[in-house]
Amino acid sequence: MEIKTKLLMTFKSSDDKKVSITVDNPREDLTEEEVKTCMELIKEKNIFASGGSDLASLVSTKVVETDTANYDLVF
């Protein structure tokens, strides 16, 4: 089995749509304050635009782990 970890940051755009940015393999010791600071910087610097709309506010952030099991299909 293979476990993958992603940081999922969700924003609301100026046209009132949710926009998510993911980061693969975030540091294990990443703090909530570091993530919030990073998200604020992304929003303030207007680094990403979604469909031509600016990011207007922070919605949520979470670390997501997925566990994948591969099966060999033999016929």
Protein backbone atom coordinates (compact mmCIF):
# COMPACT_ATOMS: atom_id res chain seq x y z
CA MET A 1 0.00 0.00 0.00
CA GLU A 2 1.11 3.52 -0.79
CA ILE A 3 0.17 6.49 1.40
CA LYS A 4 0.23 9.94 -0.21
CA THR A 5 -0.12 13.20 1.69
CA LYS A 6 -1.41 16.51 0.33
CA LEU A 7 -2.06 19.92 1.82
CA LEU A 8 -5.40 21.23 0.53
CA MET A 9 -5.92 25.00 0.77
CA THR A 10 -9.36 26.33 -0.13
CA PHE A 11 -10.12 29.96 -0.97
CA LYS A 12 -13.18 31.87 -2.12
CA SER A 13 -12.76 33.92 -5.30
CA SER A 14 -14.09 37.41 -5.98
CA ASP A 15 -16.89 35.84 -8.03
CA ASP A 16 -17.92 33.78 -4.96
CA LYS A 17 -16.58 30.39 -6.14
CA LYS A 18 -14.43 27.99 -4.12
CA VAL A 19 -10.91 27.49 -5.43
CA SER A 20 -8.51 24.85 -4.09
CA ILE A 21 -4.74 24.64 -4.29
CA THR A 22 -2.94 21.43 -3.35
CA VAL A 23 0.66 20.87 -2.34
CA ASP A 24 2.06 17.34 -2.52
CA ASN A 25 4.07 15.96 0.39
CA PRO A 26 3.89 18.88 2.83
CA ARG A 27 6.37 18.98 5.71
CA GLU A 28 5.24 16.80 8.60
CA ASP A 29 5.97 19.57 11.13
CA LEU A 30 3.98 22.21 9.23
CA THR A 31 1.98 24.37 11.64
CA GLU A 32 -1.47 25.84 11.23
CA GLU A 33 -0.02 29.34 11.58
CA GLU A 34 2.50 28.71 8.77
CA VAL A 35 -0.26 27.54 6.45
CA LYS A 36 -2.47 30.51 7.31
CA THR A 37 0.42 32.92 6.69
CA CYS A 38 1.15 31.27 3.34
CA MET A 39 -2.51 31.43 2.30
CA GLU A 40 -2.71 35.11 3.25
CA LEU A 41 0.40 35.80 1.16
CA ILE A 42 -1.05 33.95 -1.84
CA LYS A 43 -4.23 36.02 -1.54
CA GLU A 44 -2.50 39.37 -0.92
CA LYS A 45 0.05 38.99 -3.73
CA ASN A 46 -2.65 37.74 -6.11
CA ILE A 47 -0.32 34.92 -7.13
CA PHE A 48 -3.06 32.71 -8.63
CA ALA A 49 -6.18 33.76 -10.52
CA SER A 50 -8.99 31.33 -11.03
CA GLY A 51 -10.92 31.89 -14.22
CA GLY A 52 -9.83 35.53 -14.22
CA SER A 53 -11.11 36.15 -10.68
CA ASP A 54 -8.93 37.15 -7.74
CA LEU A 55 -8.81 35.13 -4.54
CA ALA A 56 -10.89 37.08 -2.03
CA SER A 57 -10.86 35.11 1.24
CA LEU A 58 -9.57 32.02 3.02
CA VAL A 59 -12.06 29.20 3.52
CA SER A 60 -10.23 26.17 4.95
CA THR A 61 -7.11 24.08 4.96
CA LYS A 62 -6.46 20.43 5.72
CA VAL A 63 -3.94 17.67 5.26
CA VAL A 64 -5.36 14.75 3.28
CA GLU A 65 -3.82 11.28 3.33
CA THR A 66 -4.77 8.67 0.75
CA ASP A 67 -3.93 5.01 1.03
CA THR A 68 -3.84 3.18 -2.28
CA ALA A 69 -3.83 -0.57 -2.74
CA ASN A 70 -2.94 -1.91 -6.17
CA TYR A 71 -4.19 -5.29 -7.34
CA ASP A 72 -2.65 -7.39 -10.08
CA LEU A 73 -5.34 -8.71 -12.34
CA VAL A 74 -4.32 -12.01 -13.85
CA PHE A 75 -6.61 -13.59 -16.41
